[in-house]
Amino acid sequence: MTYHVKQLHLPDGRSPYAEWFATLDPLAAAKVSVAAARMEQGNLSNVEWNQRGQVRFNFEPHKV
């Protein structure tokens, strides 16, 4: 099964997701992109859904 990940676009054309994503550091942005790609492939093992259809990503802190 595959899924389509959609972004909310407000009536004024803004995307809260795109605005948030633009603030992420490169490592976090890469993790979110990989998680979204996995979701589209049907792998939902590392996501939590809330009651409004939003997704919460749980990532472990980056260890150097």
Foldseek 3Di string as FASTA:
>chain_A
DFDDDDFDADPVGDTPVVVVLVPDDPVVNVVVVVQNVCRRVVPPPQWDADPVRDIDGDDDDDDD
